[in-house]
PDB file of all heavy atoms in Angstrom:
ATOM      1  N   SER A   1      -1.118  -4.024  -6.011  1.00  0.00           N
ATOM      2  CA  SER A   1      -1.794  -4.802  -7.058  1.00  0.00           C
ATOM      3  C   SER A   1      -0.909  -5.935  -7.562  1.00  0.00           C
ATOM      4  O   SER A   1      -1.388  -7.058  -7.797  1.00  0.00           O
ATOM      5  CB  SER A   1      -2.175  -3.887  -8.222  1.00  0.00           C
ATOM      6  OG  SER A   1      -3.135  -2.938  -7.813  1.00  0.00           O
ATOM      7  N   ALA A   2       0.383  -5.658  -7.726  1.00  0.00           N
ATOM      8  CA  ALA A   2       1.308  -6.690  -8.201  1.00  0.00           C
ATOM      9  C   ALA A   2       1.464  -7.801  -7.172  1.00  0.00           C
ATOM     10  O   ALA A   2       1.578  -8.981  -7.530  1.00  0.00           O
ATOM     11  CB  ALA A   2       2.661  -6.063  -8.517  1.00  0.00           C
ATOM     12  N   LEU A   3       1.457  -7.450  -5.886  1.00  0.00           N
ATOM     13  CA  LEU A   3       1.536  -8.463  -4.842  1.00  0.00           C
ATOM     14  C   LEU A   3       0.285  -9.340  -4.849  1.00  0.00           C
ATOM     15  O   LEU A   3       0.374 -10.561  -4.669  1.00  0.00           O
ATOM     16  CB  LEU A   3       1.720  -7.803  -3.472  1.00  0.00           C
ATOM     17  CG  LEU A   3       3.092  -7.193  -3.202  1.00  0.00           C
ATOM     18  CD1 LEU A   3       3.085  -6.410  -1.897  1.00  0.00           C
ATOM     19  CD2 LEU A   3       4.173  -8.265  -3.160  1.00  0.00           C
ATOM     20  N   GLU A   4      -0.867  -8.722  -5.067  1.00  0.00           N
ATOM     21  CA  GLU A   4      -2.099  -9.512  -5.138  1.00  0.00           C
ATOM     22  C   GLU A   4      -2.026 -10.502  -6.291  1.00  0.00           C
ATOM     23  O   GLU A   4      -2.459 -11.656  -6.168  1.00  0.00           O
ATOM     24  CB  GLU A   4      -3.310  -8.592  -5.285  1.00  0.00           C
ATOM     25  CG  GLU A   4      -4.623  -9.348  -5.290  1.00  0.00           C
ATOM     26  CD  GLU A   4      -5.842  -8.457  -5.182  1.00  0.00           C
ATOM     27  OE1 GLU A   4      -5.768  -7.431  -4.470  1.00  0.00           O
ATOM     28  OE2 GLU A   4      -6.868  -8.786  -5.809  1.00  0.00           O
ATOM     29  N   ALA A   5      -1.485 -10.070  -7.420  1.00  0.00           N
ATOM     30  CA  ALA A   5      -1.328 -10.976  -8.563  1.00  0.00           C
ATOM     31  C   ALA A   5      -0.396 -12.137  -8.227  1.00  0.00           C
ATOM     32  O   ALA A   5      -0.498 -13.221  -8.816  1.00  0.00           O
ATOM     33  CB  ALA A   5      -0.801 -10.208  -9.771  1.00  0.00           C
ATOM     34  N   GLU A   6       0.502 -11.912  -7.255  1.00  0.00           N
ATOM     35  CA  GLU A   6       1.444 -12.949  -6.816  1.00  0.00           C
ATOM     36  C   GLU A   6       0.901 -13.774  -5.644  1.00  0.00           C
ATOM     37  O   GLU A   6       1.615 -14.600  -5.078  1.00  0.00           O
ATOM     38  CB  GLU A   6       2.772 -12.305  -6.402  1.00  0.00           C
ATOM     39  CG  GLU A   6       3.599 -11.811  -7.563  1.00  0.00           C
ATOM     40  CD  GLU A   6       4.316 -12.943  -8.286  1.00  0.00           C
ATOM     41  OE1 GLU A   6       4.524 -14.002  -7.689  1.00  0.00           O
ATOM     42  OE2 GLU A   6       4.652 -12.757  -9.470  1.00  0.00           O
ATOM     43  N   GLY A   7      -0.362 -13.494  -5.260  1.00  0.00           N
ATOM     44  CA  GLY A   7      -0.982 -14.291  -4.205  1.00  0.00           C
ATOM     45  C   GLY A   7      -0.830 -13.740  -2.799  1.00  0.00           C
ATOM     46  O   GLY A   7      -0.970 -14.486  -1.826  1.00  0.00           O
ATOM     47  N   ILE A   8      -0.557 -12.424  -2.673  1.00  0.00           N
ATOM     48  CA  ILE A   8      -0.373 -11.807  -1.356  1.00  0.00           C
ATOM     49  C   ILE A   8      -1.323 -10.628  -1.196  1.00  0.00           C
ATOM     50  O   ILE A   8      -1.360  -9.726  -2.047  1.00  0.00           O
ATOM     51  CB  ILE A   8       1.076 -11.312  -1.174  1.00  0.00           C
ATOM     52  CG1 ILE A   8       2.042 -12.491  -1.202  1.00  0.00           C
ATOM     53  CG2 ILE A   8       1.228 -10.533   0.132  1.00  0.00           C
ATOM     54  CD1 ILE A   8       3.504 -12.076  -1.201  1.00  0.00           C
ATOM     55  N   ALA A   9      -2.099 -10.624  -0.124  1.00  0.00           N
ATOM     56  CA  ALA A   9      -2.951  -9.479   0.218  1.00  0.00           C
ATOM     57  C   ALA A   9      -2.152  -8.550   1.116  1.00  0.00           C
ATOM     58  O   ALA A   9      -1.890  -8.856   2.274  1.00  0.00           O
ATOM     59  CB  ALA A   9      -4.216  -9.945   0.933  1.00  0.00           C
ATOM     60  N   ALA A  10      -1.714  -7.425   0.549  1.00  0.00           N
ATOM     61  CA  ALA A  10      -0.936  -6.427   1.288  1.00  0.00           C
ATOM     62  C   ALA A  10      -1.370  -5.052   0.791  1.00  0.00           C
ATOM     63  O   ALA A  10      -1.047  -4.660  -0.332  1.00  0.00           O
ATOM     64  CB  ALA A  10       0.561  -6.632   1.074  1.00  0.00           C
ATOM     65  N   VAL A  11      -2.101  -4.349   1.623  1.00  0.00           N
ATOM     66  CA  VAL A  11      -2.773  -3.117   1.206  1.00  0.00           C
ATOM     67  C   VAL A  11      -1.816  -1.935   1.200  1.00  0.00           C
ATOM     68  O   VAL A  11      -0.960  -1.800   2.079  1.00  0.00           O
ATOM     69  CB  VAL A  11      -3.970  -2.832   2.137  1.00  0.00           C
ATOM     70  CG1 VAL A  11      -4.614  -1.493   1.818  1.00  0.00           C
ATOM     71  CG2 VAL A  11      -4.998  -3.960   2.016  1.00  0.00           C
ATOM     72  N   ALA A  12      -1.975  -1.064   0.206  1.00  0.00           N
ATOM     73  CA  ALA A  12      -1.228   0.195   0.158  1.00  0.00           C
ATOM     74  C   ALA A  12      -1.849   1.177   1.145  1.00  0.00           C
ATOM     75  O   ALA A  12      -3.059   1.399   1.127  1.00  0.00           O
ATOM     76  CB  ALA A  12      -1.264   0.774  -1.255  1.00  0.00           C
ATOM     77  N   VAL A  13      -1.020   1.758   1.994  1.00  0.00           N
ATOM     78  CA  VAL A  13      -1.483   2.759   2.959  1.00  0.00           C
ATOM     79  C   VAL A  13      -0.966   4.118   2.514  1.00  0.00           C
ATOM     80  O   VAL A  13       0.228   4.310   2.322  1.00  0.00           O
ATOM     81  CB  VAL A  13      -0.978   2.437   4.384  1.00  0.00           C
ATOM     82  CG1 VAL A  13      -1.478   3.484   5.363  1.00  0.00           C
ATOM     83  CG2 VAL A  13      -1.443   1.047   4.807  1.00  0.00           C
ATOM     84  N   ARG A  14      -1.901   5.065   2.347  1.00  0.00           N
ATOM     85  CA  ARG A  14      -1.565   6.374   1.790  1.00  0.00           C
ATOM     86  C   ARG A  14      -2.080   7.486   2.698  1.00  0.00           C
ATOM     87  O   ARG A  14      -2.858   7.233   3.615  1.00  0.00           O
ATOM     88  CB  ARG A  14      -2.206   6.507   0.400  1.00  0.00           C
ATOM     89  CG  ARG A  14      -1.699   5.517  -0.641  1.00  0.00           C
ATOM     90  CD  ARG A  14      -2.718   5.310  -1.757  1.00  0.00           C
ATOM     91  NE  ARG A  14      -3.866   4.541  -1.312  1.00  0.00           N
ATOM     92  CZ  ARG A  14      -5.083   4.596  -1.880  1.00  0.00           C
ATOM     93  NH1 ARG A  14      -5.291   5.392  -2.903  1.00  0.00           N
ATOM     94  NH2 ARG A  14      -6.075   3.860  -1.402  1.00  0.00           N
ATOM     95  N   PRO A  15      -1.652   8.741   2.446  1.00  0.00           N
ATOM     96  CA  PRO A  15      -2.181   9.868   3.215  1.00  0.00           C
ATOM     97  C   PRO A  15      -3.714   9.917   3.091  1.00  0.00           C
ATOM     98  O   PRO A  15      -4.257   9.499   2.069  1.00  0.00           O
ATOM     99  CB  PRO A  15      -1.528  11.081   2.543  1.00  0.00           C
ATOM    100  CG  PRO A  15      -0.283  10.539   1.908  1.00  0.00           C
ATOM    101  CD  PRO A  15      -0.651   9.145   1.460  1.00  0.00           C
ATOM    102  N   PRO A  16      -4.435  10.373   4.110  1.00  0.00           N
ATOM    103  CA  PRO A  16      -3.907  10.991   5.337  1.00  0.00           C
ATOM    104  C   PRO A  16      -3.584  10.002   6.457  1.00  0.00           C
ATOM    105  O   PRO A  16      -3.236  10.425   7.559  1.00  0.00           O
ATOM    106  CB  PRO A  16      -5.063  11.904   5.757  1.00  0.00           C
ATOM    107  CG  PRO A  16      -6.282  11.153   5.318  1.00  0.00           C
ATOM    108  CD  PRO A  16      -5.908  10.492   4.019  1.00  0.00           C
ATOM    109  N   THR A  17      -3.692   8.697   6.179  1.00  0.00           N
ATOM    110  CA  THR A  17      -3.363   7.712   7.212  1.00  0.00           C
ATOM    111  C   THR A  17      -1.898   7.807   7.615  1.00  0.00           C
ATOM    112  O   THR A  17      -1.545   7.579   8.775  1.00  0.00           O
ATOM    113  CB  THR A  17      -3.691   6.297   6.708  1.00  0.00           C
ATOM    114  OG1 THR A  17      -5.055   6.266   6.278  1.00  0.00           O
ATOM    115  CG2 THR A  17      -3.484   5.266   7.802  1.00  0.00           C
ATOM    116  N   VAL A  18      -1.046   8.120   6.636  1.00  0.00           N
ATOM    117  CA  VAL A  18       0.379   8.349   6.899  1.00  0.00           C
ATOM    118  C   VAL A  18       0.748   9.718   6.331  1.00  0.00           C
ATOM    119  O   VAL A  18       0.022  10.266   5.497  1.00  0.00           O
ATOM    120  CB  VAL A  18       1.254   7.242   6.253  1.00  0.00           C
ATOM    121  CG1 VAL A  18       0.994   5.901   6.916  1.00  0.00           C
ATOM    122  CG2 VAL A  18       1.006   7.146   4.749  1.00  0.00           C
ATOM    123  N   PRO A  19       1.865  10.318   6.755  1.00  0.00           N
ATOM    124  CA  PRO A  19       2.242  11.640   6.249  1.00  0.00           C
ATOM    125  C   PRO A  19       2.486  11.633   4.739  1.00  0.00           C
ATOM    126  O   PRO A  19       2.834  10.606   4.150  1.00  0.00           O
ATOM    127  CB  PRO A  19       3.540  11.951   7.013  1.00  0.00           C
ATOM    128  CG  PRO A  19       3.466  11.122   8.257  1.00  0.00           C
ATOM    129  CD  PRO A  19       2.761   9.865   7.848  1.00  0.00           C
ATOM    130  N   ASP A  20       2.299  12.796   4.122  1.00  0.00           N
ATOM    131  CA  ASP A  20       2.557  12.944   2.693  1.00  0.00           C
ATOM    132  C   ASP A  20       3.964  12.467   2.350  1.00  0.00           C
ATOM    133  O   ASP A  20       4.928  12.723   3.085  1.00  0.00           O
ATOM    134  CB  ASP A  20       2.409  14.412   2.274  1.00  0.00           C
ATOM    135  CG  ASP A  20       0.956  14.857   2.237  1.00  0.00           C
ATOM    136  OD1 ASP A  20       0.068  14.002   2.058  1.00  0.00           O
ATOM    137  OD2 ASP A  20       0.701  16.066   2.404  1.00  0.00           O
ATOM    138  N   GLY A  21       4.070  11.774   1.222  1.00  0.00           N
ATOM    139  CA  GLY A  21       5.373  11.306   0.763  1.00  0.00           C
ATOM    140  C   GLY A  21       5.856  10.037   1.419  1.00  0.00           C
ATOM    141  O   GLY A  21       6.998   9.617   1.182  1.00  0.00           O
ATOM    142  N   THR A  22       5.006   9.410   2.263  1.00  0.00           N
ATOM    143  CA  THR A  22       5.438   8.183   2.953  1.00  0.00           C
ATOM    144  C   THR A  22       4.467   7.026   2.699  1.00  0.00           C
ATOM    145  O   THR A  22       4.303   6.157   3.555  1.00  0.00           O
ATOM    146  CB  THR A  22       5.595   8.401   4.475  1.00  0.00           C
ATOM    147  OG1 THR A  22       4.301   8.615   5.055  1.00  0.00           O
ATOM    148  CG2 THR A  22       6.506   9.572   4.770  1.00  0.00           C
ATOM    149  N   ALA A  23       3.815   7.016   1.540  1.00  0.00           N
ATOM    150  CA  ALA A  23       2.935   5.889   1.199  1.00  0.00           C
ATOM    151  C   ALA A  23       3.726   4.586   1.312  1.00  0.00           C
ATOM    152  O   ALA A  23       4.923   4.550   1.039  1.00  0.00           O
ATOM    153  CB  ALA A  23       2.381   6.065  -0.210  1.00  0.00           C
ATOM    154  N   ARG A  24       3.037   3.536   1.704  1.00  0.00           N
ATOM    155  CA  ARG A  24       3.751   2.304   2.038  1.00  0.00           C
ATOM    156  C   ARG A  24       2.876   1.070   1.864  1.00  0.00           C
ATOM    157  O   ARG A  24       1.640   1.169   1.767  1.00  0.00           O
ATOM    158  CB  ARG A  24       4.219   2.352   3.490  1.00  0.00           C
ATOM    159  CG  ARG A  24       3.057   2.338   4.492  1.00  0.00           C
ATOM    160  CD  ARG A  24       3.477   2.816   5.857  1.00  0.00           C
ATOM    161  NE  ARG A  24       3.897   4.211   5.834  1.00  0.00           N
ATOM    162  CZ  ARG A  24       4.483   4.829   6.857  1.00  0.00           C
ATOM    163  NH1 ARG A  24       4.705   4.179   7.981  1.00  0.00           N
ATOM    164  NH2 ARG A  24       4.822   6.099   6.762  1.00  0.00           N
TER     165      ARG A  24
END
C-alpha cells in the first residue's frame, strides 16, 4: 500500500502462494 502511494504497483504475495512466514 505504501509503494502504491509512492507511485509503484507492487503486489504483496502471501500464503498459500508462498510458504507460511515468507510473505513478500
